[in-house]
Amino acid sequence: MSDTDMTLSDTPASRTAVPDGFVHDAEHPQIPVPFTAVIGDRRMEGRSLSVTGAVVTGLLPPNAEGGVRPVTLRFDFEGFSTNLYPEVRVLRLGNEADATYELRFTDPTAGHLAPLRYILNSAIAGDLVSIGQMLGYTGPTKVKAQPPKVQRGFAGRAGNGFKRFAILGLSVGLLLVAGQVIHNRVMFSYEGQPVMVSVPGETLRSTAAGQITYVNPDAGAGDVIYSISANSGDFLSVEMPCDCELEPLPDFYEGATILPGTALVKLVEADAGLEARTQISFEGVARMFAGDSAELVLASGDVVPVTVALMQGEAAEPGDTVPADLTLPDNVAGTLQPGTTARLRFRRHLLPDWLGGTWKNAGTRIGGAWTALVSDLTEE
């Protein structure tokens, strides 16, 4: 007969039935701990207790024997009490005249298990002392003293110092990287279109589709620069219109197949400077009008300040690009080569001009003083 039956006989087998999951009846022995069990409106005196059940004596409510009932287990300490609320199956121990009952927990691993185990372990360790119906706790109440620290040797202190220095260096490096990223996001705005530095001049384009049959890169004024065998059957030749230099473009070679409008050569003056043209986004135009400075960032990492002049065209809308001419400073135009590529960016000014100039001058003076100090120490 299992312990889930509603009625049990008085045979020893029914009284010693073990819940599922436990090996034998004595696996969790009963510990004599004073407590009070309340079932319904009846209070019963506790005799012993374990994690699987309790033994009590007293008068049960009607029809409580053999059924499953909620119970309150009350533990009275000095100055406070603790209540647990497990669900139990009520079983009679002994004969009809004996008012001793076993309260077997239907779920021994429910929420009451943790405080119940603490109470039982304290009773086994002797930390709980019973005085009649009261319980007194005599266990440790102070935190254990920490053992004395072991004095480290020179190698230990050096290793600890190296670890701290490494952590400090890594932290500073991360702060510098984060600061640089934030600085670039706040101060700079890059344009998506690349900038090509070239020589200003007039570009000659093909007037018909066909194939180039003759090229003369060294043509003078009045000489034939190139000839085209057009698809229409015509043979077209183009003469050099001026006494100027000729800059061949990628499609300027014999045998090249071209379409109408293909750029072939560029006519430049001998003393012509450099020019740079690009397409600026609508956001870039707005930043330029807001007073941001325009700069060219070369592939080498050098930064060249430029002046932006928007070319006339149709009204731009958000998402459109606007053609613009970039004027290079004279001291830089002589050092750049035609064909140099760069990126255009706008620099935001967060400080007033007078404060920014003062900060820049202070930085220049500090840098000069540091250079002089290093030079003096080196000479000594």
Protein backbone atom coordinates (compact mmCIF):
# COMPACT_ATOMS: atom_id res chain seq x y z
CA MET A 1 0.00 0.00 0.00
CA SER A 2 1.55 3.36 -1.03
CA ASP A 3 1.68 6.57 0.96
CA THR A 4 -0.75 8.22 -1.47
CA ASP A 5 -3.74 6.22 -0.23
CA MET A 6 -6.32 8.23 1.63
CA THR A 7 -6.69 5.59 4.41
CA LEU A 8 -3.95 3.46 5.89
CA SER A 9 -4.17 0.46 8.19
CA ASP A 10 -2.28 0.12 11.44
CA THR A 11 0.12 -2.47 10.03
CA PRO A 12 3.84 -1.70 10.34
CA ALA A 13 4.17 -1.59 6.53
CA SER A 14 1.74 1.31 6.27
CA ARG A 15 3.33 3.24 9.12
CA THR A 16 6.86 2.93 7.75
CA ALA A 17 6.07 3.68 4.09
CA VAL A 18 8.85 5.86 2.67
CA PRO A 19 8.15 8.69 0.15
CA ASP A 20 9.44 8.30 -3.39
CA GLY A 21 13.07 9.36 -3.88
CA PHE A 22 14.35 8.18 -0.46
CA VAL A 23 16.36 4.98 -0.03
CA HIS A 24 15.22 3.85 3.45
CA ASP A 25 13.12 5.06 6.35
CA ALA A 26 16.12 6.03 8.52
CA GLU A 27 17.79 8.13 5.83
CA HIS A 28 16.47 11.29 7.53
CA PRO A 29 16.12 10.54 11.26
CA GLN A 30 13.78 12.41 13.56
CA ILE A 31 15.45 15.17 15.63
CA PRO A 32 13.86 16.17 18.97
CA VAL A 33 13.18 19.86 18.40
CA PRO A 34 10.37 21.67 20.27
CA PHE A 35 7.79 23.24 17.96
CA THR A 36 4.04 23.67 17.58
CA ALA A 37 1.97 22.33 14.66
CA VAL A 38 -1.27 24.11 13.74
CA ILE A 39 -3.77 22.25 11.52
CA GLY A 40 -6.95 24.20 10.97
CA ASP A 41 -7.87 25.60 14.39
CA ARG A 42 -6.14 22.82 16.39
CA ARG A 43 -2.72 23.28 17.99
CA MET A 44 -0.60 20.15 18.45
CA GLU A 45 2.65 19.69 20.35
CA GLY A 46 5.68 18.70 18.27
CA ARG A 47 7.80 15.75 19.41
CA SER A 48 10.44 15.39 16.68
CA LEU A 49 11.20 16.64 13.21
CA SER A 50 13.08 15.68 10.02
CA VAL A 51 13.22 16.94 6.44
CA THR A 52 10.60 14.35 5.43
CA GLY A 53 8.07 14.74 8.22
CA ALA A 54 7.22 15.50 11.83
CA VAL A 55 5.78 13.63 14.82
CA VAL A 56 3.13 15.48 16.89
CA THR A 57 0.65 14.74 19.65
CA GLY A 58 -2.71 16.35 20.21
CA LEU A 59 -6.29 16.51 18.98
CA LEU A 60 -6.84 16.57 15.19
CA PRO A 61 -9.65 18.36 13.37
CA PRO A 62 -12.51 16.08 12.23
CA ASN A 63 -11.72 13.87 9.21
CA ALA A 64 -8.10 15.11 9.13
CA GLU A 65 -6.55 11.66 9.63
CA GLY A 66 -5.40 10.10 6.34
CA GLY A 67 -5.93 13.29 4.35
CA VAL A 68 -3.64 15.99 2.94
CA ARG A 69 -3.74 19.23 4.91
CA PRO A 70 -1.72 22.47 5.05
CA VAL A 71 0.09 22.84 8.37
CA THR A 72 1.91 25.65 10.15
CA LEU A 73 5.11 24.65 11.95
CA ARG A 74 5.87 27.31 14.59
CA PHE A 75 9.31 27.57 16.23
CA ASP A 76 9.38 29.91 19.24
CA PHE A 77 12.78 31.50 19.91
CA GLU A 78 13.69 34.05 22.55
CA GLY A 79 12.08 37.26 21.35
CA PHE A 80 10.85 36.04 17.95
CA SER A 81 9.29 33.05 16.18
CA THR A 82 9.64 31.36 12.82
CA ASN A 83 6.77 29.79 10.86
CA LEU A 84 6.96 27.24 8.04
CA TYR A 85 3.98 26.30 5.87
CA PRO A 86 4.42 22.84 4.30
CA GLU A 87 1.65 20.53 3.05
CA VAL A 88 1.46 17.20 4.88
CA ARG A 89 -0.37 13.86 4.89
CA VAL A 90 -1.69 13.04 8.37
CA LEU A 91 -0.95 9.44 9.51
CA ARG A 92 -1.74 7.86 12.91
CA LEU A 93 1.06 6.26 14.92
CA GLY A 94 0.03 3.61 17.45
CA ASN A 95 -3.50 2.51 18.36
CA GLU A 96 -6.75 4.42 18.46
CA ALA A 97 -6.20 5.54 22.05
CA ASP A 98 -2.79 7.04 21.25
CA ALA A 99 -3.05 10.67 20.03
CA THR A 100 0.34 10.59 18.26
CA TYR A 101 0.44 11.34 14.57
CA GLU A 102 3.02 11.56 11.78
CA LEU A 103 2.87 14.58 9.48
CA ARG A 104 4.56 13.41 6.30
CA PHE A 105 5.52 16.18 3.86
CA THR A 106 3.94 15.68 0.44
CA ASP A 107 6.75 17.72 -1.19
CA PRO A 108 9.88 17.55 1.00
CA THR A 109 11.82 19.81 -1.43
CA ALA A 110 9.35 22.72 -1.38
CA GLY A 111 10.17 26.25 -0.25
CA HIS A 112 10.23 25.30 3.44
CA LEU A 113 13.25 23.01 2.98
CA ALA A 114 16.02 25.62 3.31
CA PRO A 115 14.96 27.15 6.69
CA LEU A 116 13.99 23.71 8.00
CA ARG A 117 17.43 22.29 7.21
CA TYR A 118 19.09 25.26 8.90
CA ILE A 119 17.08 24.67 12.07
CA LEU A 120 17.83 20.91 12.07
CA ASN A 121 21.56 21.42 11.37
CA SER A 122 21.78 23.98 14.19
CA ALA A 123 20.07 21.52 16.55
CA ILE A 124 22.47 18.72 15.56
CA ALA A 125 25.50 21.04 15.99
CA GLY A 126 24.31 22.08 19.46
CA ASP A 127 23.70 25.71 18.50
CA LEU A 128 20.00 25.39 19.41
CA VAL A 129 19.28 24.84 23.11
CA SER A 130 15.73 24.01 24.17
CA ILE A 131 14.31 25.50 27.37
CA GLY A 132 10.83 24.06 27.70
CA GLN A 133 8.93 25.25 24.66
CA MET A 134 11.54 27.93 23.89
CA LEU A 135 14.66 27.70 21.71
CA GLY A 136 17.92 29.55 22.29
CA TYR A 137 20.68 30.03 19.70
CA THR A 138 24.25 29.67 20.96
CA GLY A 139 26.11 29.57 17.66
CA PRO A 140 28.75 32.02 16.43
CA THR A 141 27.61 35.65 16.19
CA LYS A 142 30.88 37.35 15.17
CA VAL A 143 32.69 37.31 11.85
CA LYS A 144 35.79 35.17 11.90
CA ALA A 145 39.01 37.14 12.09
CA GLN A 146 40.94 37.29 8.85
CA PRO A 147 44.32 35.58 8.90
CA PRO A 148 47.31 37.93 8.86
CA LYS A 149 48.50 38.92 5.41
CA VAL A 150 51.65 37.28 4.19
CA GLN A 151 54.42 39.74 3.45
CA ARG A 152 55.40 39.48 -0.19
CA GLY A 153 58.99 39.43 -1.32
CA PHE A 154 60.63 41.70 -3.86
CA ALA A 155 59.55 39.50 -6.78
CA GLY A 156 55.94 39.51 -5.60
CA ARG A 157 55.90 43.28 -5.14
CA ALA A 158 57.53 43.79 -8.54
CA GLY A 159 54.99 41.49 -10.21
CA ASN A 160 52.12 43.27 -8.50
CA GLY A 161 53.50 46.66 -9.54
CA PHE A 162 53.89 45.48 -13.13
CA LYS A 163 50.29 44.29 -13.19
CA ARG A 164 49.06 47.62 -11.88
CA PHE A 165 51.19 49.50 -14.39
CA ALA A 166 49.86 47.31 -17.23
CA ILE A 167 46.25 47.87 -16.13
CA LEU A 168 46.88 51.62 -15.86
CA GLY A 169 48.49 51.73 -19.29
CA LEU A 170 45.66 49.75 -20.86
CA SER A 171 43.08 52.03 -19.22
CA VAL A 172 44.86 55.15 -20.48
CA GLY A 173 45.12 53.64 -23.96
CA LEU A 174 41.41 52.85 -24.05
CA LEU A 175 40.60 56.38 -22.86
CA LEU A 176 42.81 57.86 -25.59
CA VAL A 177 41.20 55.71 -28.28
CA ALA A 178 37.71 56.58 -27.07
CA GLY A 179 38.63 60.26 -26.90
CA GLN A 180 40.04 60.19 -30.43
CA VAL A 181 36.90 58.52 -31.78
CA ILE A 182 34.65 61.05 -30.02
CA HIS A 183 36.86 63.92 -31.20
CA ASN A 184 36.65 62.77 -34.83
CA ARG A 185 32.89 62.27 -34.64
CA VAL A 186 32.32 65.73 -33.15
CA MET A 187 34.94 67.79 -34.98
CA PHE A 188 35.04 66.33 -38.51
CA SER A 189 32.55 65.48 -41.23
CA TYR A 190 33.91 63.63 -44.29
CA GLU A 191 32.42 63.85 -47.78
CA GLY A 192 31.74 60.64 -49.67
CA GLN A 193 32.96 61.82 -53.10
CA PRO A 194 36.74 61.60 -53.73
CA VAL A 195 38.72 64.66 -54.81
CA MET A 196 41.09 64.47 -57.80
CA VAL A 197 43.84 67.06 -58.12
CA SER A 198 44.46 67.93 -61.76
CA VAL A 199 45.84 70.65 -64.04
CA PRO A 200 43.23 73.19 -65.25
CA GLY A 201 42.58 73.25 -68.97
CA GLU A 202 40.22 72.48 -71.83
CA THR A 203 39.25 68.84 -72.40
CA LEU A 204 38.86 67.54 -75.97
CA ARG A 205 36.19 64.87 -76.34
CA SER A 206 35.30 62.59 -79.19
CA THR A 207 32.53 63.81 -81.49
CA ALA A 208 31.57 60.40 -82.89
CA ALA A 209 31.64 56.73 -82.00
CA GLY A 210 34.38 54.68 -83.59
CA GLN A 211 38.04 53.69 -83.23
CA ILE A 212 41.16 55.83 -82.80
CA THR A 213 43.52 55.15 -85.68
CA TYR A 214 46.19 57.81 -85.04
CA VAL A 215 47.53 59.67 -81.99
CA ASN A 216 50.27 62.33 -81.70
CA PRO A 217 51.08 63.25 -78.05
CA ASP A 218 53.74 65.72 -79.22
CA ALA A 219 51.52 67.64 -81.62
CA GLY A 220 52.15 71.37 -81.97
CA ALA A 221 49.79 74.15 -82.93
CA GLY A 222 48.02 73.14 -86.19
CA ASP A 223 49.23 69.49 -86.12
CA VAL A 224 46.80 66.56 -86.00
CA ILE A 225 46.38 65.29 -82.45
CA TYR A 226 44.32 62.18 -83.21
CA SER A 227 42.17 60.61 -85.95
CA ILE A 228 38.95 58.63 -85.56
CA SER A 229 37.50 56.08 -87.94
CA ALA A 230 33.82 56.67 -87.22
CA ASN A 231 31.16 53.96 -87.37
CA SER A 232 29.38 56.02 -90.01
CA GLY A 233 32.31 55.52 -92.40
CA ASP A 234 33.75 59.02 -91.99
CA PHE A 235 37.40 59.67 -91.10
CA LEU A 236 37.73 62.48 -88.55
CA SER A 237 40.95 64.30 -87.59
CA VAL A 238 41.40 66.83 -84.79
CA GLU A 239 44.11 69.53 -84.91
CA MET A 240 45.95 71.13 -82.02
CA PRO A 241 44.09 74.45 -81.44
CA CYS A 242 46.78 76.27 -79.42
CA ASP A 243 50.46 76.40 -78.57
CA CYS A 244 50.03 74.69 -75.24
CA GLU A 245 50.85 71.42 -73.52
CA LEU A 246 48.84 68.28 -74.12
CA GLU A 247 47.94 65.89 -71.29
CA PRO A 248 46.81 62.45 -72.57
CA LEU A 249 43.84 60.85 -70.81
CA PRO A 250 43.33 57.07 -70.27
CA ASP A 251 41.42 56.48 -73.57
CA PHE A 252 44.01 58.28 -75.73
CA TYR A 253 45.81 55.44 -77.59
CA GLU A 254 45.71 53.83 -81.02
CA GLY A 255 43.02 51.16 -81.37
CA ALA A 256 40.85 52.48 -78.55
CA THR A 257 37.09 52.08 -79.11
CA ILE A 258 35.32 55.24 -78.05
CA LEU A 259 31.82 56.66 -77.79
CA PRO A 260 30.62 60.20 -78.37
CA GLY A 261 31.74 62.46 -75.52
CA THR A 262 34.69 60.31 -74.42
CA ALA A 263 37.44 62.51 -72.89
CA LEU A 264 40.68 62.00 -74.85
CA VAL A 265 43.16 64.80 -74.14
CA LYS A 266 43.43 67.91 -71.97
CA LEU A 267 44.99 71.16 -73.15
CA VAL A 268 46.88 72.96 -70.38
CA GLU A 269 49.00 76.08 -70.24
CA ALA A 270 52.67 75.71 -69.41
CA ASP A 271 52.46 77.83 -66.25
CA ALA A 272 49.03 76.60 -65.15
CA GLY A 273 48.59 75.66 -61.52
CA LEU A 274 46.52 72.85 -60.06
CA GLU A 275 42.79 72.57 -59.61
CA ALA A 276 40.55 70.24 -57.61
CA ARG A 277 36.88 69.56 -58.22
CA THR A 278 34.39 67.36 -56.40
CA GLN A 279 30.73 66.85 -55.55
CA ILE A 280 29.62 68.07 -52.11
CA SER A 281 26.59 66.66 -50.33
CA PHE A 282 23.70 68.81 -49.13
CA GLU A 283 24.88 68.31 -45.52
CA GLY A 284 28.39 69.43 -46.46
CA VAL A 285 27.02 72.60 -48.04
CA ALA A 286 25.07 73.31 -44.85
CA ARG A 287 28.22 72.86 -42.73
CA MET A 288 30.18 75.13 -45.07
CA PHE A 289 27.55 77.87 -44.70
CA ALA A 290 27.65 77.34 -40.91
CA GLY A 291 31.33 78.42 -40.93
CA ASP A 292 33.13 75.06 -40.86
CA SER A 293 36.61 75.00 -42.41
CA ALA A 294 37.24 72.82 -45.48
CA GLU A 295 40.34 70.59 -45.59
CA LEU A 296 41.81 68.01 -47.96
CA VAL A 297 43.13 64.82 -46.34
CA LEU A 298 45.76 63.33 -48.66
CA ALA A 299 46.61 59.64 -48.92
CA SER A 300 49.88 60.36 -47.07
CA GLY A 301 47.91 61.71 -44.09
CA ASP A 302 48.80 65.37 -44.71
CA VAL A 303 46.01 67.91 -44.27
CA VAL A 304 45.73 70.83 -46.70
CA PRO A 305 43.30 73.73 -46.06
CA VAL A 306 41.26 74.68 -49.14
CA THR A 307 38.65 77.23 -50.16
CA VAL A 308 35.38 75.88 -51.55
CA ALA A 309 33.45 77.67 -54.30
CA LEU A 310 30.11 76.19 -55.33
CA MET A 311 29.44 76.03 -59.08
CA GLN A 312 26.21 77.37 -60.48
CA GLY A 313 23.55 74.78 -61.11
CA GLU A 314 20.01 73.77 -60.34
CA ALA A 315 18.59 74.09 -56.84
CA ALA A 316 19.80 71.26 -54.62
CA GLU A 317 17.56 69.20 -52.40
CA PRO A 318 18.46 66.93 -49.44
CA GLY A 319 20.25 63.91 -50.87
CA ASP A 320 21.61 65.75 -53.96
CA THR A 321 25.24 66.68 -54.57
CA VAL A 322 26.55 70.06 -55.68
CA PRO A 323 29.65 70.51 -57.92
CA ALA A 324 32.33 72.64 -56.33
CA ASP A 325 35.79 74.02 -57.15
CA LEU A 326 38.51 73.76 -54.50
CA THR A 327 41.24 76.41 -54.41
CA LEU A 328 44.58 75.12 -53.12
CA PRO A 329 47.03 77.41 -51.26
CA ASP A 330 50.04 78.58 -53.30
CA ASN A 331 52.61 77.03 -50.99
CA VAL A 332 51.01 73.58 -51.41
CA ALA A 333 50.01 73.64 -55.08
CA GLY A 334 53.67 73.43 -56.14
CA THR A 335 54.31 70.28 -54.11
CA LEU A 336 51.32 68.26 -55.29
CA GLN A 337 51.31 66.24 -58.48
CA PRO A 338 48.42 65.98 -60.97
CA GLY A 339 46.39 62.86 -60.32
CA THR A 340 46.71 63.04 -56.52
CA THR A 341 43.56 61.81 -54.76
CA ALA A 342 42.24 63.12 -51.45
CA ARG A 343 39.15 63.32 -49.24
CA LEU A 344 37.30 66.50 -48.39
CA ARG A 345 36.29 67.07 -44.79
CA PHE A 346 34.80 69.93 -42.82
CA ARG A 347 36.21 70.93 -39.41
CA ARG A 348 33.83 72.28 -36.80
CA HIS A 349 34.95 75.19 -34.61
CA LEU A 350 33.81 74.75 -31.02
CA LEU A 351 35.89 77.58 -29.52
CA PRO A 352 35.78 81.27 -30.48
CA ASP A 353 38.49 82.46 -32.84
CA TRP A 354 40.32 84.48 -30.19
CA LEU A 355 40.28 81.59 -27.70
CA GLY A 356 41.30 79.07 -30.33
CA GLY A 357 44.21 81.31 -31.39
CA THR A 358 45.28 81.77 -27.78
CA TRP A 359 45.19 78.00 -27.17
CA LYS A 360 47.15 77.38 -30.37
CA ASN A 361 49.79 79.95 -29.43
CA ALA A 362 50.10 78.45 -25.95
CA GLY A 363 50.59 75.00 -27.44
CA THR A 364 53.25 76.35 -29.81
CA ARG A 365 55.13 78.02 -26.96
CA ILE A 366 55.00 74.91 -24.77
CA GLY A 367 56.21 72.78 -27.66
CA GLY A 368 59.08 75.17 -28.37
CA ALA A 369 60.13 75.26 -24.71
CA TRP A 370 60.07 71.45 -24.50
CA THR A 371 62.16 71.16 -27.69
CA ALA A 372 64.73 73.60 -26.31
CA LEU A 373 64.92 71.75 -23.00
CA VAL A 374 65.47 68.41 -24.72
CA SER A 375 68.14 69.98 -26.94
CA ASP A 376 69.99 71.41 -23.91
CA LEU A 377 69.93 68.10 -22.08
CA THR A 378 71.19 66.28 -25.16
CA GLU A 379 74.11 68.68 -25.61
CA GLU A 380 75.15 68.31 -21.99
